[in-house]
Protein backbone atom coordinates (compact mmCIF):
# COMPACT_ATOMS: atom_id res chain seq x y z
CA UNK A 1 -3.62 27.49 -6.21
CA UNK A 2 -1.79 26.44 -8.99
CA UNK A 3 0.07 22.96 -9.57
CA UNK A 4 2.52 22.64 -12.62
CA UNK A 5 2.04 19.13 -13.85
CA UNK A 6 5.71 18.09 -12.70
CA UNK A 7 4.17 18.55 -8.90
CA UNK A 8 0.26 16.69 -10.00
CA UNK A 9 2.41 13.17 -11.13
CA UNK A 10 4.44 13.63 -7.87
CA UNK A 11 1.50 13.54 -5.79
CA UNK A 12 -0.02 10.90 -8.40
CA UNK A 13 2.78 8.79 -7.57
CA UNK A 14 2.27 9.11 -3.91
CA UNK A 15 -0.49 8.52 -3.70
CA UNK A 16 -0.47 4.85 -6.25
CA UNK A 17 2.26 3.78 -3.48
CA UNK A 18 0.77 4.31 -0.41
CA UNK A 19 -2.71 2.79 -2.07
CA UNK A 20 -0.57 -0.72 -2.59
CA UNK A 21 0.95 -0.07 0.49
CA UNK A 22 -2.53 -0.50 2.32
CA UNK A 23 -3.66 -3.08 -0.01
CA UNK A 24 -0.61 -5.82 0.60
CA UNK A 25 -2.44 -5.76 4.54
CA UNK A 26 -4.61 -7.76 2.30
CA UNK A 27 -7.35 -9.40 4.77
CA UNK A 28 -5.69 -8.00 8.02
CA UNK A 29 -6.13 -4.77 7.06
CA UNK A 30 -8.68 -2.46 9.14
CA UNK A 31 -11.91 -0.74 8.58
CA UNK A 32 -10.11 2.85 9.19
CA UNK A 33 -7.16 1.27 6.83
CA UNK A 34 -10.21 0.27 3.78
CA UNK A 35 -11.19 3.43 4.38
CA UNK A 36 -8.33 5.43 3.37
CA UNK A 37 -7.65 3.35 0.17
CA UNK A 38 -11.42 4.20 -0.34
CA UNK A 39 -10.15 8.34 -0.21
CA UNK A 40 -7.08 7.43 -2.02
CA UNK A 41 -8.65 6.31 -4.45
CA UNK A 42 -11.36 9.39 -5.19
CA UNK A 43 -7.82 11.41 -4.34
CA UNK A 44 -6.04 9.21 -6.99
CA UNK A 45 -9.04 9.60 -9.85
CA UNK A 46 -9.03 13.80 -9.18
CA UNK A 47 -4.95 13.57 -9.72
CA UNK A 48 -5.73 11.36 -13.56
CA UNK A 49 -8.41 14.07 -14.03
CA UNK A 50 -6.34 16.83 -13.83
CA UNK A 51 -3.96 15.93 -15.37
CA UNK A 52 -5.97 15.35 -18.21
CA UNK A 53 -6.36 18.70 -18.52
CA UNK A 54 -3.60 19.44 -18.55
CA UNK A 55 -2.57 17.45 -21.90
CA UNK A 56 -6.30 18.57 -23.48
CA UNK A 57 -5.43 21.93 -22.24
CA UNK A 58 -1.09 21.75 -23.69
CA UNK A 59 -2.71 20.20 -27.22
CA UNK A 60 -4.98 23.44 -27.16
CA UNK A 61 -1.86 25.91 -26.82
CA UNK A 62 -3.59 27.12 -23.01
CA UNK A 63 -2.45 27.29 -20.02
CA UNK A 64 0.84 25.38 -18.51
CA UNK A 65 -0.39 24.73 -14.85
CA UNK A 66 -3.46 23.94 -13.87
CA UNK A 67 -5.76 25.05 -10.44
CA UNK A 68 -7.37 23.13 -7.84
């Protein structure tokens, strides 16, 4: 599925917000919420890599979309 750069950035922003809200709970967070933070962190890394790949390709004059 092709994703535009703005879609990747939107997803990254939403993911960062979700992580911040879960981390605000601190010690009151449940085990399930902590596992969700780990899952969201992994997804954030994937998004950041996709955005980096997009910019590297655009610097080389290649694709303007990213296939995930």
